Each structure stands twice: as C-alpha cells, then as structure tokens.
Amino acid sequence: MEVIVRFKTSKKLKAAALKKVKRLGITFSDVMNGKLREYVKRGEITFSAKPLRS
C-alpha cells in the first residue's frame, strides 16, 4: 500500500528539483524514496559531495 507524504519547500526549490529529475528520466518520488530507504537501512542520511549532474 502506498501513501502520500507531504512536506513544505519553496516553489523555487521544487521547480529546480523537478527540472533536474526530468532530465535524468526519474521522478521526484524516486529521489525521495531513495533517501527514505537509505535512512531506514543505515539510520543516517548522507549527501554526496559529488552530486549526480543532469
């Protein structure tokens, strides 16, 4: 069963994120689910110093 998770962010940040994930051929949900899985598995969230570039 899937659920909807809501959180607040700026319009500018949301637009920039959507633009980048579209270029990569993935969805914003893919990015967020990946970070949530990482947190559940490791108990921590890391942010790469070398971001995936679109």
N, C-alpha and C. Protein backbone atom coordinates (compact mmCIF):
# COMPACT_ATOMS: atom_id res chain seq x y z
N MET A 1 0.84 -1.18 0.00
CA MET A 1 0.00 0.00 0.00
C MET A 1 0.88 1.24 0.00
N GLU A 2 0.63 2.15 -0.89
CA GLU A 2 1.38 3.39 -0.95
C GLU A 2 0.60 4.50 -0.27
N VAL A 3 1.33 5.44 0.30
CA VAL A 3 0.72 6.59 0.96
C VAL A 3 1.32 7.87 0.39
N ILE A 4 0.67 8.96 0.61
CA ILE A 4 1.16 10.26 0.18
C ILE A 4 1.81 10.95 1.38
N VAL A 5 3.03 11.45 1.17
CA VAL A 5 3.75 12.18 2.19
C VAL A 5 3.84 13.64 1.72
N ARG A 6 3.51 14.55 2.60
CA ARG A 6 3.55 15.98 2.26
C ARG A 6 4.58 16.68 3.12
N PHE A 7 5.28 17.62 2.52
CA PHE A 7 6.21 18.46 3.28
C PHE A 7 6.31 19.81 2.58
N LYS A 8 6.78 20.78 3.31
CA LYS A 8 6.88 22.13 2.77
C LYS A 8 8.28 22.39 2.21
N THR A 9 8.32 23.09 1.09
CA THR A 9 9.56 23.55 0.48
C THR A 9 9.22 24.79 -0.34
N SER A 10 10.21 25.47 -0.82
CA SER A 10 9.96 26.67 -1.61
C SER A 10 9.57 26.29 -3.04
N LYS A 11 8.82 27.15 -3.68
CA LYS A 11 8.43 26.92 -5.09
C LYS A 11 9.65 26.84 -5.98
N LYS A 12 10.63 27.69 -5.69
CA LYS A 12 11.85 27.73 -6.50
C LYS A 12 12.62 26.42 -6.40
N LEU A 13 12.77 25.90 -5.18
CA LEU A 13 13.49 24.64 -4.98
C LEU A 13 12.74 23.48 -5.64
N LYS A 14 11.42 23.46 -5.49
CA LYS A 14 10.62 22.40 -6.10
C LYS A 14 10.77 22.41 -7.62
N ALA A 15 10.68 23.58 -8.21
CA ALA A 15 10.78 23.70 -9.67
C ALA A 15 12.16 23.25 -10.16
N ALA A 16 13.21 23.64 -9.44
CA ALA A 16 14.57 23.24 -9.83
C ALA A 16 14.74 21.73 -9.73
N ALA A 17 14.21 21.13 -8.65
CA ALA A 17 14.32 19.68 -8.48
C ALA A 17 13.57 18.93 -9.57
N LEU A 18 12.36 19.37 -9.86
CA LEU A 18 11.57 18.71 -10.91
C LEU A 18 12.25 18.80 -12.26
N LYS A 19 12.87 19.92 -12.55
CA LYS A 19 13.58 20.11 -13.82
C LYS A 19 14.75 19.12 -13.93
N LYS A 20 15.49 18.97 -12.84
CA LYS A 20 16.64 18.07 -12.85
C LYS A 20 16.25 16.60 -12.94
N VAL A 21 15.24 16.18 -12.17
CA VAL A 21 14.87 14.77 -12.22
C VAL A 21 14.28 14.41 -13.59
N LYS A 22 13.60 15.37 -14.20
CA LYS A 22 13.06 15.12 -15.53
C LYS A 22 14.19 14.84 -16.52
N ARG A 23 15.27 15.61 -16.43
CA ARG A 23 16.43 15.40 -17.31
C ARG A 23 17.07 14.04 -17.10
N LEU A 24 17.01 13.56 -15.86
CA LEU A 24 17.59 12.25 -15.55
C LEU A 24 16.65 11.10 -15.90
N GLY A 25 15.40 11.40 -16.20
CA GLY A 25 14.45 10.36 -16.55
C GLY A 25 13.88 9.63 -15.34
N ILE A 26 13.93 10.28 -14.18
CA ILE A 26 13.36 9.70 -12.97
C ILE A 26 12.33 10.66 -12.41
N THR A 27 11.66 10.24 -11.36
CA THR A 27 10.65 11.11 -10.75
C THR A 27 11.16 11.66 -9.42
N PHE A 28 10.50 12.70 -8.96
CA PHE A 28 10.81 13.26 -7.66
C PHE A 28 10.56 12.21 -6.58
N SER A 29 9.53 11.42 -6.76
CA SER A 29 9.24 10.34 -5.80
C SER A 29 10.39 9.34 -5.74
N ASP A 30 11.01 9.05 -6.89
CA ASP A 30 12.17 8.14 -6.90
C ASP A 30 13.28 8.68 -6.01
N VAL A 31 13.55 9.97 -6.11
CA VAL A 31 14.60 10.59 -5.30
C VAL A 31 14.25 10.51 -3.81
N MET A 32 13.05 10.90 -3.47
CA MET A 32 12.64 10.91 -2.07
C MET A 32 12.58 9.50 -1.49
N ASN A 33 12.07 8.54 -2.25
CA ASN A 33 12.03 7.15 -1.77
C ASN A 33 13.43 6.60 -1.58
N GLY A 34 14.36 6.95 -2.44
CA GLY A 34 15.74 6.52 -2.29
C GLY A 34 16.35 7.04 -0.99
N LYS A 35 16.11 8.30 -0.69
CA LYS A 35 16.62 8.88 0.56
C LYS A 35 15.96 8.25 1.78
N LEU A 36 14.68 7.97 1.70
CA LEU A 36 13.99 7.32 2.82
C LEU A 36 14.52 5.91 3.04
N ARG A 37 14.74 5.16 1.95
CA ARG A 37 15.29 3.81 2.07
C ARG A 37 16.67 3.85 2.71
N GLU A 38 17.49 4.81 2.28
CA GLU A 38 18.83 4.97 2.85
C GLU A 38 18.75 5.23 4.34
N TYR A 39 17.86 6.08 4.75
CA TYR A 39 17.71 6.41 6.17
C TYR A 39 17.26 5.19 6.98
N VAL A 40 16.28 4.46 6.46
CA VAL A 40 15.78 3.28 7.17
C VAL A 40 16.88 2.21 7.28
N LYS A 41 17.61 1.99 6.22
CA LYS A 41 18.65 0.96 6.21
C LYS A 41 19.84 1.32 7.09
N ARG A 42 20.31 2.55 6.99
CA ARG A 42 21.54 2.95 7.69
C ARG A 42 21.30 3.74 8.98
N GLY A 43 20.13 4.30 9.10
CA GLY A 43 19.87 5.15 10.26
C GLY A 43 20.49 6.53 10.13
N GLU A 44 20.91 6.85 8.91
CA GLU A 44 21.51 8.16 8.66
C GLU A 44 21.23 8.57 7.22
N ILE A 45 21.33 9.85 6.97
CA ILE A 45 21.15 10.37 5.61
C ILE A 45 22.44 11.08 5.22
N THR A 46 22.97 10.70 4.08
CA THR A 46 24.18 11.34 3.59
C THR A 46 23.89 12.10 2.31
N PHE A 47 24.65 13.14 2.10
CA PHE A 47 24.55 13.94 0.89
C PHE A 47 25.91 13.93 0.23
N SER A 48 25.95 13.48 -1.00
CA SER A 48 27.21 13.33 -1.71
C SER A 48 27.87 14.69 -1.96
N ALA A 49 29.19 14.72 -1.86
CA ALA A 49 29.94 15.92 -2.23
C ALA A 49 30.01 16.05 -3.74
N LYS A 50 29.78 14.94 -4.45
CA LYS A 50 29.76 14.95 -5.90
C LYS A 50 28.35 14.62 -6.35
N PRO A 51 27.50 15.62 -6.54
CA PRO A 51 26.11 15.36 -6.90
C PRO A 51 25.97 14.78 -8.30
N LEU A 52 24.93 13.99 -8.46
CA LEU A 52 24.59 13.48 -9.78
C LEU A 52 24.17 14.65 -10.64
N ARG A 53 24.81 14.85 -11.74
CA ARG A 53 24.55 16.02 -12.59
C ARG A 53 23.57 15.66 -13.69
N SER A 54 22.68 16.58 -13.96
CA SER A 54 21.74 16.36 -15.08
C SER A 54 22.10 17.22 -16.24
